[in-house]
Structure formats: structure tokens, C-alpha cells
Amino acid sequence: GRGLPAGQAEMEIIDRIREKRTWEAALPPMDSPSNIAKRLKMMEAMERKEWAYREAEIDKLQKVQMEAFKKLLQRREENQNELNAMRLNDHWENHQKAKEEKMRKIQHDCALMLRKLIAKRKNWMGKLERRDIIREYKDFGSQTYAPLSRIGFFPDNNSDYYAVKNYYLNTFAGLCELEKSAPPSFFPIKIKAPKPKCHITKTGYIKRSGRLEVVLKQVHE
């Protein structure tokens, strides 16, 4: 909890402090002009060394920042590419929907024009044709058998028209009247209980020999 054990960066700082203390102890005293000149020269060399160390630290820090900036830019570019891909996908889907809708409209218009052309071809002379009832009932695809909803006929609206409606079956009074009018021989129900094919014991279980007899009889038949 006190920064131990020391890492590589801490060991470098400790070595620099030891080196600086050794250098300070090795400085000559200021008792003569030659020692003063020597001391100044040693201090200038140490100052250059300190500036070089600071520059190296700044370069290292700038490299770390550049790597972080590169990662951030790369992540931003990936997110932007994903966003662009999603937008392109949405744009493509919208174009596909518009294309399908346009094709559906073209097919509808084509079918409408074909029906109009067929109708004009039937009456190409411009004369009014009289209704041929025999031909309509002969053709099972005519309006008599299969009327179209676009001319105003909707078969589902009158679907209950074909349902069987019977007073004697749908009402309670009709059922009572129908029961009174029926002969008595209709009502007694005689049901014969089927005989078991296997031998059943008193406890209600089927013996294995009985099951085997039934299987052998079925195989024989």
C-alpha cells in the first residue's frame, strides 16, 4: 500500500536521484578560479543532460498520446462506417420497396389495359351485342357462375343464404314436435357390450397367455 514493489519507472527515478547525489558530491569547491570554471562546466553538462532527459520524456509522452489518438480515430472511423452501412442499407430497402410498389402498379395497370383491350376486341365493330343467356349458362367461367367483385358483386355478403334453415332442427319446439311424430321404434337403443377378446382375471388384469392367443389368431388370419 506504499508503492511497493517499485516498478521500472520508479527504479529509473531512484537511479537518477542517486546519480545526481553522486554528481553533487563530486562537484569541486568554489575556492579558486579554476575550480569555479570546472564547476560551471560540470553544471552546464548536467543541465544539458537534464534537458535531454526531459526531451526524451516529452517524446515518450507524445508517442503514448499519439497511439491513444490513433485508437480513438480508428474507433470513430469504425463507428462511422457502421453508421454509413446502416444508412445505405435503409436507403437500399426504401428503394427496393419503392421498386416493388412501382412494379405492382405497373402489373395492375397492365392487367387493366389487357381487360380493356379484350373487351374492345369482342366489340371491335362498335356495335352493341345482345345478351346471350344460353352462352352464359354454358360457360362456367361467365358472370352467371363466377361474378366478379369489381362489378359490384360480393359473394361473402350473402353467405348465409345457402345455409340450411330448418324449424325442426334449429328450435326446441321443432325438436319436440319431431320427437312426437317419430315412431316408438326409433327410440329404444339396444347396445350389446362387446365381449373381451382376451381372458380377464377376477382382479381385472389380462393374462399374458390371453394376449398371446389374440396375437396368434390375428397372425393366423
C-alpha atoms as a PDB file:
ATOM      1  CA  GLY A   1       0.000   0.000   0.000  1.00  0.00           C
ATOM      2  CA  ARG A   2       3.036   2.339  -0.081  1.00  0.00           C
ATOM      3  CA  GLY A   3       4.011   1.961  -3.717  1.00  0.00           C
ATOM      4  CA  LEU A   4       5.994  -1.255  -3.241  1.00  0.00           C
ATOM      5  CA  PRO A   5       7.353  -3.126  -5.035  1.00  0.00           C
ATOM      6  CA  ALA A   6       8.845  -0.434  -7.232  1.00  0.00           C
ATOM      7  CA  GLY A   7       8.374  -0.694 -10.974  1.00  0.00           C
ATOM      8  CA  GLN A   8      10.723   0.122 -13.814  1.00  0.00           C
ATOM      9  CA  ALA A   9       9.796   3.831 -13.891  1.00  0.00           C
ATOM     10  CA  GLU A  10      10.334   4.191 -10.131  1.00  0.00           C
ATOM     11  CA  MET A  11      13.738   2.451 -10.383  1.00  0.00           C
ATOM     12  CA  GLU A  12      14.821   4.860 -13.139  1.00  0.00           C
ATOM     13  CA  ILE A  13      13.871   7.834 -10.934  1.00  0.00           C
ATOM     14  CA  ILE A  14      15.777   6.336  -7.982  1.00  0.00           C
ATOM     15  CA  ASP A  15      18.865   5.777 -10.158  1.00  0.00           C
ATOM     16  CA  ARG A  16      18.712   9.374 -11.389  1.00  0.00           C
ATOM     17  CA  ILE A  17      18.472  10.684  -7.824  1.00  0.00           C
ATOM     18  CA  ARG A  18      21.472   8.557  -6.767  1.00  0.00           C
ATOM     19  CA  GLU A  19      23.432   9.718  -9.824  1.00  0.00           C
ATOM     20  CA  LYS A  20      22.603  13.351  -9.047  1.00  0.00           C
ATOM     21  CA  ARG A  21      23.681  12.988  -5.424  1.00  0.00           C
ATOM     22  CA  THR A  22      26.936  11.399  -6.570  1.00  0.00           C
ATOM     23  CA  TRP A  23      27.432  14.272  -9.002  1.00  0.00           C
ATOM     24  CA  GLU A  24      26.720  16.878  -6.314  1.00  0.00           C
ATOM     25  CA  ALA A  25      29.256  15.212  -4.026  1.00  0.00           C
ATOM     26  CA  ALA A  26      31.825  15.251  -6.830  1.00  0.00           C
ATOM     27  CA  LEU A  27      31.461  18.978  -7.533  1.00  0.00           C
ATOM     28  CA  PRO A  28      34.717  20.890  -6.816  1.00  0.00           C
ATOM     29  CA  PRO A  29      34.643  23.573  -4.114  1.00  0.00           C
ATOM     30  CA  MET A  30      34.465  27.245  -5.068  1.00  0.00           C
ATOM     31  CA  ASP A  31      37.824  28.206  -3.568  1.00  0.00           C
ATOM     32  CA  SER A  32      39.751  29.103  -6.728  1.00  0.00           C
ATOM     33  CA  PRO A  33      39.004  30.431 -10.216  1.00  0.00           C
ATOM     34  CA  SER A  34      39.978  27.116 -11.829  1.00  0.00           C
ATOM     35  CA  ASN A  35      37.581  25.163  -9.564  1.00  0.00           C
ATOM     36  CA  ILE A  36      34.816  27.685 -10.269  1.00  0.00           C
ATOM     37  CA  ALA A  37      35.334  27.272 -14.038  1.00  0.00           C
ATOM     38  CA  LYS A  38      35.377  23.494 -13.676  1.00  0.00           C
ATOM     39  CA  ARG A  39      32.218  23.610 -11.542  1.00  0.00           C
ATOM     40  CA  LEU A  40      30.411  25.757 -14.107  1.00  0.00           C
ATOM     41  CA  LYS A  41      31.449  23.391 -16.884  1.00  0.00           C
ATOM     42  CA  MET A  42      30.141  20.374 -14.924  1.00  0.00           C
ATOM     43  CA  MET A  43      26.853  22.191 -14.155  1.00  0.00           C
ATOM     44  CA  GLU A  44      26.370  23.060 -17.839  1.00  0.00           C
ATOM     45  CA  ALA A  45      26.959  19.408 -18.801  1.00  0.00           C
ATOM     46  CA  MET A  46      24.426  18.248 -16.156  1.00  0.00           C
ATOM     47  CA  GLU A  47      21.903  20.847 -17.361  1.00  0.00           C
ATOM     48  CA  ARG A  48      22.269  19.603 -20.962  1.00  0.00           C
ATOM     49  CA  LYS A  49      21.807  16.055 -19.702  1.00  0.00           C
ATOM     50  CA  GLU A  50      18.638  17.083 -17.798  1.00  0.00           C
ATOM     51  CA  TRP A  51      17.228  18.815 -20.865  1.00  0.00           C
ATOM     52  CA  ALA A  52      17.926  15.752 -22.992  1.00  0.00           C
ATOM     53  CA  TYR A  53      16.146  13.564 -20.407  1.00  0.00           C
ATOM     54  CA  ARG A  54      13.164  15.937 -20.368  1.00  0.00           C
ATOM     55  CA  GLU A  55      13.003  15.911 -24.159  1.00  0.00           C
ATOM     56  CA  ALA A  56      13.059  12.090 -24.165  1.00  0.00           C
ATOM     57  CA  GLU A  57      10.219  12.039 -21.614  1.00  0.00           C
ATOM     58  CA  ILE A  58       8.194  14.510 -23.690  1.00  0.00           C
ATOM     59  CA  ASP A  59       8.763  12.401 -26.824  1.00  0.00           C
ATOM     60  CA  LYS A  60       7.665   9.265 -24.964  1.00  0.00           C
ATOM     61  CA  LEU A  61       4.537  11.018 -23.672  1.00  0.00           C
ATOM     62  CA  GLN A  62       3.736  12.345 -27.152  1.00  0.00           C
ATOM     63  CA  LYS A  63       4.080   8.831 -28.600  1.00  0.00           C
ATOM     64  CA  VAL A  64       1.647   7.456 -25.998  1.00  0.00           C
ATOM     65  CA  GLN A  65      -0.791  10.269 -26.769  1.00  0.00           C
ATOM     66  CA  MET A  66      -0.435   9.643 -30.497  1.00  0.00           C
ATOM     67  CA  GLU A  67      -1.207   5.947 -30.010  1.00  0.00           C
ATOM     68  CA  ALA A  68      -4.271   6.859 -27.943  1.00  0.00           C
ATOM     69  CA  PHE A  69      -5.373   9.348 -30.622  1.00  0.00           C
ATOM     70  CA  LYS A  70      -4.885   6.715 -33.335  1.00  0.00           C
ATOM     71  CA  LYS A  71      -7.038   4.222 -31.430  1.00  0.00           C
ATOM     72  CA  LEU A  72      -9.730   6.844 -30.867  1.00  0.00           C
ATOM     73  CA  LEU A  73      -9.701   7.842 -34.541  1.00  0.00           C
ATOM     74  CA  GLN A  74      -9.811   4.200 -35.607  1.00  0.00           C
ATOM     75  CA  ARG A  75     -12.759   3.508 -33.306  1.00  0.00           C
ATOM     76  CA  ARG A  76     -14.508   6.653 -34.551  1.00  0.00           C
ATOM     77  CA  GLU A  77     -13.928   5.616 -38.152  1.00  0.00           C
ATOM     78  CA  GLU A  78     -15.321   2.125 -37.462  1.00  0.00           C
ATOM     79  CA  ASN A  79     -18.426   3.602 -35.831  1.00  0.00           C
ATOM     80  CA  GLN A  80     -18.856   5.988 -38.746  1.00  0.00           C
ATOM     81  CA  ASN A  81     -18.501   3.121 -41.220  1.00  0.00           C
ATOM     82  CA  GLU A  82     -21.138   1.105 -39.345  1.00  0.00           C
ATOM     83  CA  LEU A  83     -23.459   4.108 -39.335  1.00  0.00           C
ATOM     84  CA  ASN A  84     -22.899   4.652 -43.058  1.00  0.00           C
ATOM     85  CA  ALA A  85     -23.565   0.969 -43.734  1.00  0.00           C
ATOM     86  CA  MET A  86     -26.836   1.150 -41.770  1.00  0.00           C
ATOM     87  CA  ARG A  87     -27.891   4.276 -43.676  1.00  0.00           C
ATOM     88  CA  LEU A  88     -27.037   2.673 -47.002  1.00  0.00           C
ATOM     89  CA  ASN A  89     -28.974  -0.447 -46.023  1.00  0.00           C
ATOM     90  CA  ASP A  90     -32.029   1.618 -45.079  1.00  0.00           C
ATOM     91  CA  HIS A  91     -31.720   3.601 -48.298  1.00  0.00           C
ATOM     92  CA  TRP A  92     -31.472   0.387 -50.315  1.00  0.00           C
ATOM     93  CA  GLU A  93     -34.516  -1.118 -48.555  1.00  0.00           C
ATOM     94  CA  ASN A  94     -36.540   2.039 -49.247  1.00  0.00           C
ATOM     95  CA  HIS A  95     -35.541   1.878 -52.910  1.00  0.00           C
ATOM     96  CA  GLN A  96     -36.495  -1.806 -53.040  1.00  0.00           C
ATOM     97  CA  LYS A  97     -39.922  -1.060 -51.517  1.00  0.00           C
ATOM     98  CA  ALA A  98     -40.480   1.758 -53.968  1.00  0.00           C
ATOM     99  CA  LYS A  99     -39.383  -0.508 -56.820  1.00  0.00           C
ATOM    100  CA  GLU A 100     -41.754  -3.311 -55.750  1.00  0.00           C
ATOM    101  CA  GLU A 101     -44.624  -0.846 -55.357  1.00  0.00           C
ATOM    102  CA  LYS A 102     -43.924   0.568 -58.813  1.00  0.00           C
ATOM    103  CA  MET A 103     -43.772  -2.915 -60.344  1.00  0.00           C
ATOM    104  CA  ARG A 104     -47.048  -3.853 -58.608  1.00  0.00           C
ATOM    105  CA  LYS A 105     -48.717  -0.721 -60.010  1.00  0.00           C
ATOM    106  CA  ILE A 106     -47.359  -1.456 -63.495  1.00  0.00           C
ATOM    107  CA  GLN A 107     -48.692  -5.028 -63.334  1.00  0.00           C
ATOM    108  CA  HIS A 108     -52.094  -3.768 -62.149  1.00  0.00           C
ATOM    109  CA  ASP A 109     -52.238  -1.199 -64.951  1.00  0.00           C
ATOM    110  CA  CYS A 110     -51.137  -3.856 -67.449  1.00  0.00           C
ATOM    111  CA  ALA A 111     -53.929  -6.228 -66.353  1.00  0.00           C
ATOM    112  CA  LEU A 112     -56.452  -3.374 -66.544  1.00  0.00           C
ATOM    113  CA  MET A 113     -55.341  -2.401 -70.053  1.00  0.00           C
ATOM    114  CA  LEU A 114     -55.449  -6.047 -71.161  1.00  0.00           C
ATOM    115  CA  ARG A 115     -59.026  -6.378 -69.919  1.00  0.00           C
ATOM    116  CA  LYS A 116     -59.950  -3.200 -71.764  1.00  0.00           C
ATOM    117  CA  LEU A 117     -58.283  -4.454 -74.959  1.00  0.00           C
ATOM    118  CA  ILE A 118     -60.074  -7.812 -74.675  1.00  0.00           C
ATOM    119  CA  ALA A 119     -63.383  -6.013 -74.192  1.00  0.00           C
ATOM    120  CA  LYS A 120     -62.702  -3.790 -77.230  1.00  0.00           C
ATOM    121  CA  ARG A 121     -61.702  -6.808 -79.304  1.00  0.00           C
ATOM    122  CA  LYS A 122     -65.001  -8.506 -78.556  1.00  0.00           C
ATOM    123  CA  ASN A 123     -66.856  -5.468 -79.860  1.00  0.00           C
ATOM    124  CA  TRP A 124     -64.394  -4.232 -82.446  1.00  0.00           C
ATOM    125  CA  MET A 125     -67.122  -3.057 -84.829  1.00  0.00           C
ATOM    126  CA  GLY A 126     -68.568  -0.727 -82.218  1.00  0.00           C
ATOM    127  CA  LYS A 127     -71.948  -2.426 -82.261  1.00  0.00           C
ATOM    128  CA  LEU A 128     -73.944  -3.320 -79.190  1.00  0.00           C
ATOM    129  CA  GLU A 129     -74.157  -7.059 -78.614  1.00  0.00           C
ATOM    130  CA  ARG A 130     -77.285  -8.585 -77.214  1.00  0.00           C
ATOM    131  CA  ARG A 131     -77.038 -10.769 -74.168  1.00  0.00           C
ATOM    132  CA  ASP A 132     -76.781 -14.467 -74.977  1.00  0.00           C
ATOM    133  CA  ILE A 133     -78.195 -16.228 -71.903  1.00  0.00           C
ATOM    134  CA  ILE A 134     -77.570 -19.716 -73.302  1.00  0.00           C
ATOM    135  CA  ARG A 135     -73.890 -18.981 -73.840  1.00  0.00           C
ATOM    136  CA  GLU A 136     -73.566 -17.514 -70.326  1.00  0.00           C
ATOM    137  CA  TYR A 137     -75.061 -20.612 -68.703  1.00  0.00           C
ATOM    138  CA  LYS A 138     -72.966 -22.863 -70.917  1.00  0.00           C
ATOM    139  CA  ASP A 139     -69.715 -21.160 -69.888  1.00  0.00           C
ATOM    140  CA  PHE A 140     -68.916 -21.929 -66.209  1.00  0.00           C
ATOM    141  CA  GLY A 141     -66.459 -19.024 -66.107  1.00  0.00           C
ATOM    142  CA  SER A 142     -69.081 -16.425 -67.038  1.00  0.00           C
ATOM    143  CA  GLN A 143     -70.630 -13.813 -64.787  1.00  0.00           C
ATOM    144  CA  THR A 144     -73.567 -16.112 -64.047  1.00  0.00           C
ATOM    145  CA  TYR A 145     -71.464 -18.714 -62.235  1.00  0.00           C
ATOM    146  CA  ALA A 146     -68.458 -16.616 -61.162  1.00  0.00           C
ATOM    147  CA  PRO A 147     -69.377 -12.945 -60.876  1.00  0.00           C
ATOM    148  CA  LEU A 148     -66.545 -10.527 -60.228  1.00  0.00           C
ATOM    149  CA  SER A 149     -66.432  -8.273 -57.190  1.00  0.00           C
ATOM    150  CA  ARG A 150     -65.196  -5.352 -59.290  1.00  0.00           C
ATOM    151  CA  ILE A 151     -68.592  -5.109 -60.975  1.00  0.00           C
ATOM    152  CA  GLY A 152     -70.391  -4.844 -57.646  1.00  0.00           C
ATOM    153  CA  PHE A 153     -70.997  -8.467 -56.565  1.00  0.00           C
ATOM    154  CA  PHE A 154     -69.636  -9.635 -53.219  1.00  0.00           C
ATOM    155  CA  PRO A 155     -70.465 -13.308 -52.564  1.00  0.00           C
ATOM    156  CA  ASP A 156     -69.395 -13.176 -48.904  1.00  0.00           C
ATOM    157  CA  ASN A 157     -72.158 -10.704 -48.055  1.00  0.00           C
ATOM    158  CA  ASN A 158     -74.895 -13.297 -48.701  1.00  0.00           C
ATOM    159  CA  SER A 159     -73.044 -16.368 -47.467  1.00  0.00           C
ATOM    160  CA  ASP A 160     -75.839 -17.295 -45.037  1.00  0.00           C
ATOM    161  CA  TYR A 161     -78.278 -17.521 -47.951  1.00  0.00           C
ATOM    162  CA  TYR A 162     -77.151 -21.072 -48.726  1.00  0.00           C
ATOM    163  CA  ALA A 163     -77.222 -22.245 -45.114  1.00  0.00           C
ATOM    164  CA  VAL A 164     -79.823 -24.880 -44.297  1.00  0.00           C
ATOM    165  CA  LYS A 165     -82.524 -23.422 -42.053  1.00  0.00           C
ATOM    166  CA  ASN A 166     -84.922 -25.970 -40.587  1.00  0.00           C
ATOM    167  CA  TYR A 167     -87.586 -25.272 -37.988  1.00  0.00           C
ATOM    168  CA  TYR A 168     -87.485 -28.847 -36.663  1.00  0.00           C
ATOM    169  CA  LEU A 169     -83.712 -28.880 -36.152  1.00  0.00           C
ATOM    170  CA  ASN A 170     -82.927 -25.336 -35.024  1.00  0.00           C
ATOM    171  CA  THR A 171     -85.637 -24.801 -32.390  1.00  0.00           C
ATOM    172  CA  PHE A 172     -86.586 -26.670 -29.237  1.00  0.00           C
ATOM    173  CA  ALA A 173     -90.287 -26.682 -30.119  1.00  0.00           C
ATOM    174  CA  GLY A 174     -89.489 -28.167 -33.508  1.00  0.00           C
ATOM    175  CA  LEU A 175     -87.390 -30.912 -31.911  1.00  0.00           C
ATOM    176  CA  CYS A 176     -90.270 -31.768 -29.511  1.00  0.00           C
ATOM    177  CA  GLU A 177     -92.706 -31.919 -32.419  1.00  0.00           C
ATOM    178  CA  LEU A 178     -90.315 -34.074 -34.413  1.00  0.00           C
ATOM    179  CA  GLU A 179     -89.923 -36.425 -31.442  1.00  0.00           C
ATOM    180  CA  LYS A 180     -93.728 -36.772 -31.113  1.00  0.00           C
ATOM    181  CA  SER A 181     -94.166 -37.576 -34.799  1.00  0.00           C
ATOM    182  CA  ALA A 182     -91.424 -40.229 -34.869  1.00  0.00           C
ATOM    183  CA  PRO A 183     -92.418 -43.891 -34.338  1.00  0.00           C
ATOM    184  CA  PRO A 184     -91.550 -45.501 -30.958  1.00  0.00           C
ATOM    185  CA  SER A 185     -89.218 -47.995 -32.615  1.00  0.00           C
ATOM    186  CA  PHE A 186     -86.660 -45.240 -33.179  1.00  0.00           C
ATOM    187  CA  PHE A 187     -86.008 -44.503 -29.506  1.00  0.00           C
ATOM    188  CA  PRO A 188     -85.184 -47.797 -27.724  1.00  0.00           C
ATOM    189  CA  ILE A 189     -81.472 -48.176 -28.048  1.00  0.00           C
ATOM    190  CA  LYS A 190     -80.059 -51.642 -27.604  1.00  0.00           C
ATOM    191  CA  ILE A 191     -76.326 -51.751 -27.107  1.00  0.00           C
ATOM    192  CA  LYS A 192     -74.575 -55.042 -26.636  1.00  0.00           C
ATOM    193  CA  ALA A 193     -71.398 -54.904 -24.625  1.00  0.00           C
ATOM    194  CA  PRO A 194     -68.513 -56.313 -26.647  1.00  0.00           C
ATOM    195  CA  LYS A 195     -67.013 -59.493 -25.372  1.00  0.00           C
ATOM    196  CA  PRO A 196     -63.380 -59.243 -24.386  1.00  0.00           C
ATOM    197  CA  LYS A 197     -61.027 -60.937 -26.797  1.00  0.00           C
ATOM    198  CA  CYS A 198     -58.620 -61.898 -24.014  1.00  0.00           C
ATOM    199  CA  HIS A 199     -59.072 -63.797 -20.783  1.00  0.00           C
ATOM    200  CA  ILE A 200     -59.565 -61.370 -17.908  1.00  0.00           C
ATOM    201  CA  THR A 201     -58.866 -62.397 -14.333  1.00  0.00           C
ATOM    202  CA  LYS A 202     -61.064 -61.550 -11.369  1.00  0.00           C
ATOM    203  CA  THR A 203     -58.862 -58.584 -10.483  1.00  0.00           C
ATOM    204  CA  GLY A 204     -59.406 -57.093 -13.956  1.00  0.00           C
ATOM    205  CA  TYR A 205     -55.995 -57.869 -15.495  1.00  0.00           C
ATOM    206  CA  ILE A 206     -55.404 -59.607 -18.830  1.00  0.00           C
ATOM    207  CA  LYS A 207     -53.246 -62.682 -18.740  1.00  0.00           C
ATOM    208  CA  ARG A 208     -50.202 -62.895 -20.958  1.00  0.00           C
ATOM    209  CA  SER A 209     -51.442 -66.180 -22.421  1.00  0.00           C
ATOM    210  CA  GLY A 210     -54.653 -64.448 -23.497  1.00  0.00           C
ATOM    211  CA  ARG A 211     -52.750 -61.651 -25.231  1.00  0.00           C
ATOM    212  CA  LEU A 212     -50.566 -64.199 -26.995  1.00  0.00           C
ATOM    213  CA  GLU A 213     -53.661 -66.121 -28.178  1.00  0.00           C
ATOM    214  CA  VAL A 214     -55.146 -62.934 -29.672  1.00  0.00           C
ATOM    215  CA  VAL A 215     -51.860 -62.083 -31.435  1.00  0.00           C
ATOM    216  CA  LEU A 216     -51.509 -65.623 -32.810  1.00  0.00           C
ATOM    217  CA  LYS A 217     -55.096 -65.556 -34.014  1.00  0.00           C
ATOM    218  CA  GLN A 218     -54.510 -62.225 -35.829  1.00  0.00           C
ATOM    219  CA  VAL A 219     -51.306 -63.596 -37.413  1.00  0.00           C
ATOM    220  CA  HIS A 220     -53.164 -66.751 -38.465  1.00  0.00           C
ATOM    221  CA  GLU A 221     -55.967 -64.764 -40.045  1.00  0.00           C
END
